[in-house]
Protein backbone atom coordinates (compact mmCIF):
# COMPACT_ATOMS: atom_id res chain seq x y z
CA MET A 1 -111.54 164.46 119.24
CA GLU A 2 -115.03 165.21 118.04
CA ARG A 3 -113.97 164.69 114.42
CA PHE A 4 -112.81 161.17 115.24
CA TYR A 5 -116.20 160.38 116.76
CA LYS A 6 -117.85 161.68 113.57
CA MET A 7 -115.67 159.26 111.59
CA VAL A 8 -116.73 156.49 114.00
CA GLU A 9 -120.37 157.34 113.32
CA ALA A 10 -119.81 157.19 109.58
CA SER A 11 -117.92 153.90 109.82
CA ASN A 12 -120.65 152.33 111.94
CA LYS A 13 -123.24 153.35 109.35
CA ARG A 14 -121.13 152.07 106.47
CA PHE A 15 -120.45 148.74 108.19
CA PRO A 16 -123.39 148.19 110.57
CA ARG A 17 -122.54 144.54 111.12
CA GLY A 18 -118.94 145.29 112.14
CA VAL A 19 -119.53 146.95 115.47
CA GLU A 20 -118.87 144.08 117.86
CA PRO A 21 -115.72 144.20 120.06
CA PHE A 22 -113.97 141.26 118.38
CA GLN A 23 -114.54 142.77 114.94
CA MET A 24 -113.26 146.17 116.04
CA VAL A 25 -110.13 144.69 117.62
CA THR A 26 -109.53 142.57 114.52
CA ARG A 27 -109.75 145.67 112.32
CA LEU A 28 -107.48 147.55 114.72
CA MET A 29 -104.86 144.83 114.42
CA GLU A 30 -105.21 144.85 110.64
CA GLU A 31 -104.76 148.63 110.57
CA CYS A 32 -101.75 148.38 112.90
CA GLY A 33 -100.26 145.88 110.45
CA GLU A 34 -100.76 148.39 107.66
CA VAL A 35 -99.10 151.10 109.79
CA ALA A 36 -96.18 148.69 110.32
CA ALA A 37 -95.95 148.12 106.56
CA GLU A 38 -95.79 151.89 106.00
CA VAL A 39 -93.07 152.22 108.65
CA ASN A 40 -91.11 149.47 106.90
CA LEU A 41 -91.44 151.40 103.66
CA TRP A 42 -90.34 154.65 105.30
CA GLU A 43 -87.38 152.95 106.99
CA ASP A 44 -86.43 151.20 103.73
CA SER A 45 -86.65 147.76 105.36
CA GLY A 46 -86.56 144.76 103.07
CA ILE A 47 -87.63 145.16 99.47
CA LYS A 48 -90.72 147.29 100.03
CA ARG A 49 -89.39 150.31 98.14
CA GLN A 50 -88.54 148.16 95.14
CA LYS A 51 -92.15 146.99 95.06
CA ARG A 52 -93.98 150.17 96.09
CA GLY A 53 -91.65 153.05 95.32
CA GLU A 54 -90.99 156.01 97.57
CA PRO A 55 -93.08 156.44 100.71
CA LYS A 56 -95.87 159.01 100.69
CA LYS A 57 -96.93 161.09 103.68
CA GLU A 58 -100.56 160.73 102.67
CA ASP A 59 -100.36 156.93 102.84
CA ILE A 60 -98.92 156.70 106.34
CA ALA A 61 -101.28 159.45 107.54
CA ASN A 62 -104.24 157.50 106.16
CA GLU A 63 -103.18 154.29 107.90
CA LEU A 64 -102.63 156.13 111.19
CA ARG A 65 -106.07 157.73 110.91
CA GLN A 66 -107.72 154.37 110.28
CA ALA A 67 -106.05 152.84 113.34
CA ILE A 68 -107.04 155.81 115.51
CA VAL A 69 -110.67 155.58 114.35
CA GLU A 70 -110.76 151.92 115.38
CA LEU A 71 -109.48 152.88 118.83
CA PHE A 72 -112.18 155.53 119.12
CA LYS A 73 -114.79 152.97 118.06
CA ILE A 74 -113.73 150.79 120.98
CA ALA A 75 -113.92 153.77 123.37
CA GLU A 76 -117.41 154.58 122.13
CA TYR A 77 -118.56 150.96 122.33
CA TYR A 78 -117.60 150.79 126.02
CA HIS A 79 -118.90 154.33 126.69
CA VAL A 80 -115.57 155.59 128.02
CA GLU A 81 -115.33 158.77 125.94
CA LYS A 82 -115.38 160.99 129.03
CA GLU A 83 -112.78 158.85 130.79
CA LEU A 84 -110.58 158.88 127.68
CA GLU A 85 -110.71 162.67 127.57
CA GLU A 86 -109.93 162.83 131.30
CA SER A 87 -107.02 160.42 130.88
CA ILE A 88 -105.59 162.53 128.07
CA GLU A 89 -105.94 165.72 130.14
CA ALA A 90 -104.31 164.06 133.18
CA SER A 91 -101.40 162.87 131.04
CA LEU A 92 -100.92 166.37 129.62
CA SER A 93 -101.06 167.88 133.11
CA ARG A 94 -98.39 165.47 134.36
CA SER A 95 -96.19 166.26 131.38
CA ARG A 96 -96.58 169.99 132.00
CA ALA A 97 -95.82 169.54 135.72
CA GLU A 98 -92.68 167.60 134.83
CA GLY A 99 -91.59 170.38 132.46
CA LEU A 100 -91.77 168.09 129.45
CA ILE A 101 -94.17 170.34 127.52
CA ASP A 102 -95.38 173.95 127.77
C-alpha cells in the first residue's frame, strides 16, 4: 500500500490544484470510465476492437492503477489510511475464518 501513497504524493505535486474532494471524485469517475472502456475492449463489446485493435494487458493495468491511486488520494485527504488498512485486514480475517482463502 505504501507504493500507492507514494504515487499519491507524486500526483499531488504534479497537480497541486487538483487535490480537493470534488476534483478527486471527478477524476475517479473518469478513470472508472476508462476502466469500463478497457473492459468493453476485452469483452469485444461493440466496435471497440475494430477501432483500437486487440486489448493489451498493460493498458487495462494502467487504467486500474490510475483508479486505485484516486481512491488512495481520497483516503489520504480524509486521513483514513489507518482505518483503510484495518478494514482490509478485517476483511481478510473474515475471509480466512470462512475458509474462502488460506
